[in-house]
Amino acid sequence: MPIENNTQSRAILAPHSDRVTFVIKWMASIIQIMGYTATGFGITPLNIYLFLGGLIGWFVVGVLWKDRAIMLIHVVALGAMIAGITSG
């Protein structure tokens, strides 16, 4: 019986989790595009904050998907942003 209940709870949670991930990835993408736009128009430091928001959003998606490649690229991007900000 516990296995059946566990399977049912996963089936109920999966669509919600998929919707949450869908919303996060699209919001993060839109925020990053806004960051590129802000960079193109020279709107600083807003561009950095937008990039940071998109970066965190995509990192969360990587965690939810258990996708280490997505997590890695966004941790590296965060490190590069921090290095750039602190260097000048």
N, C-alpha and C. Protein backbone atom coordinates (compact mmCIF):
# COMPACT_ATOMS: atom_id res chain seq x y z
N MET A 1 0.80 -1.21 0.00
CA MET A 1 0.00 0.00 0.00
C MET A 1 0.85 1.28 0.00
N PRO A 2 1.93 1.37 0.77
CA PRO A 2 2.71 2.60 0.73
C PRO A 2 3.28 2.91 -0.65
N ILE A 3 3.62 1.87 -1.41
CA ILE A 3 4.16 2.11 -2.75
C ILE A 3 3.10 2.75 -3.62
N GLU A 4 1.87 2.27 -3.53
CA GLU A 4 0.78 2.83 -4.32
C GLU A 4 0.55 4.29 -3.96
N ASN A 5 0.54 4.59 -2.67
CA ASN A 5 0.34 5.97 -2.23
C ASN A 5 1.47 6.86 -2.71
N ASN A 6 2.69 6.36 -2.66
CA ASN A 6 3.84 7.13 -3.12
C ASN A 6 3.72 7.42 -4.61
N THR A 7 3.31 6.43 -5.39
CA THR A 7 3.15 6.61 -6.83
C THR A 7 2.05 7.62 -7.11
N GLN A 8 0.96 7.54 -6.37
CA GLN A 8 -0.14 8.48 -6.57
C GLN A 8 0.29 9.90 -6.22
N SER A 9 1.05 10.05 -5.15
CA SER A 9 1.47 11.40 -4.78
C SER A 9 2.42 11.97 -5.82
N ARG A 10 3.28 11.16 -6.40
CA ARG A 10 4.16 11.64 -7.47
C ARG A 10 3.35 12.06 -8.68
N ALA A 11 2.34 11.29 -9.02
CA ALA A 11 1.50 11.60 -10.17
C ALA A 11 0.76 12.92 -9.96
N ILE A 12 0.37 13.19 -8.72
CA ILE A 12 -0.33 14.44 -8.42
C ILE A 12 0.64 15.61 -8.44
N LEU A 13 1.85 15.43 -7.92
CA LEU A 13 2.82 16.52 -7.83
C LEU A 13 3.51 16.81 -9.15
N ALA A 14 3.66 15.84 -10.01
CA ALA A 14 4.42 16.02 -11.25
C ALA A 14 3.89 17.16 -12.11
N PRO A 15 2.58 17.23 -12.39
CA PRO A 15 2.12 18.33 -13.23
C PRO A 15 2.38 19.69 -12.59
N HIS A 16 2.23 19.80 -11.28
CA HIS A 16 2.51 21.06 -10.60
C HIS A 16 3.98 21.42 -10.73
N SER A 17 4.85 20.45 -10.52
CA SER A 17 6.29 20.67 -10.62
C SER A 17 6.67 21.08 -12.04
N ASP A 18 6.06 20.44 -13.04
CA ASP A 18 6.33 20.79 -14.43
C ASP A 18 5.91 22.23 -14.72
N ARG A 19 4.76 22.63 -14.19
CA ARG A 19 4.29 24.01 -14.40
C ARG A 19 5.21 25.01 -13.73
N VAL A 20 5.66 24.69 -12.53
CA VAL A 20 6.58 25.59 -11.81
C VAL A 20 7.87 25.75 -12.59
N THR A 21 8.42 24.64 -13.05
CA THR A 21 9.65 24.68 -13.83
C THR A 21 9.45 25.48 -15.12
N PHE A 22 8.32 25.27 -15.78
CA PHE A 22 7.99 25.99 -17.02
C PHE A 22 7.99 27.49 -16.77
N VAL A 23 7.33 27.90 -15.70
CA VAL A 23 7.24 29.33 -15.39
C VAL A 23 8.62 29.90 -15.05
N ILE A 24 9.38 29.18 -14.23
CA ILE A 24 10.71 29.66 -13.84
C ILE A 24 11.62 29.81 -15.06
N LYS A 25 11.63 28.80 -15.94
CA LYS A 25 12.56 28.88 -17.08
C LYS A 25 12.19 29.99 -18.04
N TRP A 26 10.88 30.24 -18.24
CA TRP A 26 10.49 31.31 -19.15
C TRP A 26 10.70 32.68 -18.51
N MET A 27 10.43 32.80 -17.24
CA MET A 27 10.68 34.08 -16.57
C MET A 27 12.18 34.39 -16.56
N ALA A 28 12.99 33.37 -16.26
CA ALA A 28 14.45 33.57 -16.26
C ALA A 28 14.94 33.96 -17.65
N SER A 29 14.39 33.34 -18.68
CA SER A 29 14.79 33.67 -20.05
C SER A 29 14.42 35.11 -20.40
N ILE A 30 13.21 35.51 -20.05
CA ILE A 30 12.76 36.88 -20.34
C ILE A 30 13.62 37.88 -19.57
N ILE A 31 13.93 37.58 -18.32
CA ILE A 31 14.77 38.48 -17.52
C ILE A 31 16.16 38.59 -18.12
N GLN A 32 16.72 37.46 -18.59
CA GLN A 32 18.05 37.52 -19.21
C GLN A 32 18.02 38.32 -20.52
N ILE A 33 16.97 38.17 -21.30
CA ILE A 33 16.84 38.97 -22.52
C ILE A 33 16.77 40.45 -22.18
N MET A 34 16.07 40.77 -21.11
CA MET A 34 16.02 42.16 -20.66
C MET A 34 17.41 42.63 -20.24
N GLY A 35 18.21 41.73 -19.65
CA GLY A 35 19.58 42.07 -19.29
C GLY A 35 20.43 42.37 -20.51
N TYR A 36 20.27 41.55 -21.56
CA TYR A 36 20.99 41.82 -22.82
C TYR A 36 20.57 43.17 -23.40
N THR A 37 19.27 43.45 -23.34
CA THR A 37 18.76 44.71 -23.86
C THR A 37 19.32 45.89 -23.07
N ALA A 38 19.32 45.76 -21.75
CA ALA A 38 19.87 46.82 -20.90
C ALA A 38 21.35 47.04 -21.21
N THR A 39 22.08 45.96 -21.45
CA THR A 39 23.50 46.09 -21.79
C THR A 39 23.65 46.81 -23.12
N GLY A 40 22.81 46.44 -24.09
CA GLY A 40 22.88 47.07 -25.41
C GLY A 40 22.62 48.57 -25.36
N PHE A 41 21.76 49.00 -24.45
CA PHE A 41 21.44 50.41 -24.31
C PHE A 41 22.27 51.11 -23.24
N GLY A 42 23.23 50.39 -22.66
CA GLY A 42 24.13 50.99 -21.67
C GLY A 42 23.46 51.30 -20.34
N ILE A 43 22.43 50.55 -20.00
CA ILE A 43 21.72 50.79 -18.75
C ILE A 43 22.37 49.93 -17.65
N THR A 44 23.31 50.58 -16.96
CA THR A 44 24.00 49.87 -15.89
C THR A 44 23.66 50.54 -14.56
N PRO A 45 23.67 49.90 -13.47
CA PRO A 45 23.94 48.49 -13.22
C PRO A 45 22.70 47.59 -13.36
N LEU A 46 21.60 48.13 -13.88
CA LEU A 46 20.38 47.33 -14.02
C LEU A 46 20.65 46.06 -14.80
N ASN A 47 21.49 46.16 -15.83
CA ASN A 47 21.78 44.96 -16.64
C ASN A 47 22.36 43.83 -15.79
N ILE A 48 23.21 44.16 -14.85
CA ILE A 48 23.82 43.14 -13.99
C ILE A 48 22.76 42.49 -13.11
N TYR A 49 21.87 43.30 -12.56
CA TYR A 49 20.81 42.74 -11.71
C TYR A 49 19.88 41.83 -12.51
N LEU A 50 19.58 42.23 -13.73
CA LEU A 50 18.74 41.39 -14.58
C LEU A 50 19.44 40.07 -14.91
N PHE A 51 20.72 40.16 -15.29
CA PHE A 51 21.48 38.94 -15.56
C PHE A 51 21.50 38.04 -14.33
N LEU A 52 21.68 38.63 -13.17
CA LEU A 52 21.72 37.85 -11.93
C LEU A 52 20.39 37.14 -11.70
N GLY A 53 19.28 37.84 -11.92
CA GLY A 53 17.97 37.22 -11.77
C GLY A 53 17.77 36.05 -12.72
N GLY A 54 18.14 36.24 -13.98
CA GLY A 54 18.02 35.16 -14.95
C GLY A 54 18.94 33.99 -14.63
N LEU A 55 20.14 34.32 -14.19
CA LEU A 55 21.11 33.29 -13.83
C LEU A 55 20.60 32.43 -12.67
N ILE A 56 20.07 33.07 -11.66
CA ILE A 56 19.53 32.32 -10.51
C ILE A 56 18.34 31.48 -10.94
N GLY A 57 17.47 32.05 -11.76
CA GLY A 57 16.32 31.30 -12.24
C GLY A 57 16.72 30.05 -12.99
N TRP A 58 17.68 30.17 -13.89
CA TRP A 58 18.12 29.00 -14.65
C TRP A 58 18.87 28.00 -13.78
N PHE A 59 19.57 28.48 -12.76
CA PHE A 59 20.21 27.55 -11.82
C PHE A 59 19.15 26.73 -11.10
N VAL A 60 18.07 27.38 -10.68
CA VAL A 60 16.97 26.67 -10.02
C VAL A 60 16.37 25.62 -10.96
N VAL A 61 16.20 25.97 -12.23
CA VAL A 61 15.70 25.00 -13.21
C VAL A 61 16.65 23.80 -13.29
N GLY A 62 17.95 24.07 -13.30
CA GLY A 62 18.92 22.97 -13.32
C GLY A 62 18.78 22.07 -12.11
N VAL A 63 18.55 22.66 -10.96
CA VAL A 63 18.35 21.87 -9.74
C VAL A 63 17.08 21.04 -9.86
N LEU A 64 15.99 21.66 -10.30
CA LEU A 64 14.71 20.94 -10.42
C LEU A 64 14.80 19.79 -11.43
N TRP A 65 15.55 20.01 -12.51
CA TRP A 65 15.72 18.98 -13.53
C TRP A 65 16.84 18.00 -13.19
N LYS A 66 17.59 18.31 -12.12
CA LYS A 66 18.79 17.53 -11.76
C LYS A 66 19.78 17.48 -12.93
N ASP A 67 19.94 18.63 -13.57
CA ASP A 67 20.80 18.75 -14.75
C ASP A 67 22.07 19.49 -14.34
N ARG A 68 23.14 18.74 -14.14
CA ARG A 68 24.39 19.32 -13.65
C ARG A 68 25.02 20.28 -14.64
N ALA A 69 24.81 20.06 -15.93
CA ALA A 69 25.39 20.96 -16.93
C ALA A 69 24.78 22.36 -16.82
N ILE A 70 23.47 22.42 -16.65
CA ILE A 70 22.82 23.73 -16.49
C ILE A 70 23.29 24.38 -15.20
N MET A 71 23.39 23.61 -14.13
CA MET A 71 23.86 24.17 -12.86
C MET A 71 25.30 24.67 -13.00
N LEU A 72 26.16 23.89 -13.63
CA LEU A 72 27.57 24.26 -13.77
C LEU A 72 27.74 25.55 -14.55
N ILE A 73 27.10 25.65 -15.70
CA ILE A 73 27.29 26.85 -16.51
C ILE A 73 26.83 28.11 -15.79
N HIS A 74 25.81 27.99 -14.97
CA HIS A 74 25.32 29.17 -14.27
C HIS A 74 26.13 29.50 -13.02
N VAL A 75 26.74 28.50 -12.40
CA VAL A 75 27.67 28.78 -11.31
C VAL A 75 28.92 29.46 -11.87
N VAL A 76 29.42 29.00 -13.01
CA VAL A 76 30.57 29.62 -13.66
C VAL A 76 30.23 31.06 -14.07
N ALA A 77 29.04 31.26 -14.62
CA ALA A 77 28.62 32.61 -15.01
C ALA A 77 28.55 33.53 -13.79
N LEU A 78 28.05 33.01 -12.68
CA LEU A 78 27.99 33.80 -11.46
C LEU A 78 29.40 34.18 -11.00
N GLY A 79 30.32 33.22 -11.06
CA GLY A 79 31.71 33.51 -10.70
C GLY A 79 32.32 34.58 -11.59
N ALA A 80 32.04 34.49 -12.89
CA ALA A 80 32.56 35.51 -13.83
C ALA A 80 31.96 36.88 -13.54
N MET A 81 30.66 36.91 -13.21
CA MET A 81 30.04 38.19 -12.88
C MET A 81 30.64 38.79 -11.62
N ILE A 82 30.84 37.97 -10.62
CA ILE A 82 31.44 38.45 -9.36
C ILE A 82 32.85 38.95 -9.60
N ALA A 83 33.62 38.20 -10.39
CA ALA A 83 35.00 38.63 -10.70
C ALA A 83 34.99 39.97 -11.45
N GLY A 84 34.09 40.13 -12.40
CA GLY A 84 34.00 41.37 -13.16
C GLY A 84 33.58 42.55 -12.30
N ILE A 85 32.62 42.31 -11.42
CA ILE A 85 32.14 43.40 -10.55
C ILE A 85 33.22 43.84 -9.57
N THR A 86 33.93 42.87 -8.99
CA THR A 86 34.94 43.22 -7.98
C THR A 86 36.21 43.79 -8.58
N SER A 87 36.44 43.52 -9.87
CA SER A 87 37.70 44.02 -10.47
C SER A 87 37.59 45.46 -10.96
N GLY A 88 36.42 45.97 -11.00
CA GLY A 88 36.43 47.35 -11.40
C GLY A 88 35.20 47.89 -11.94
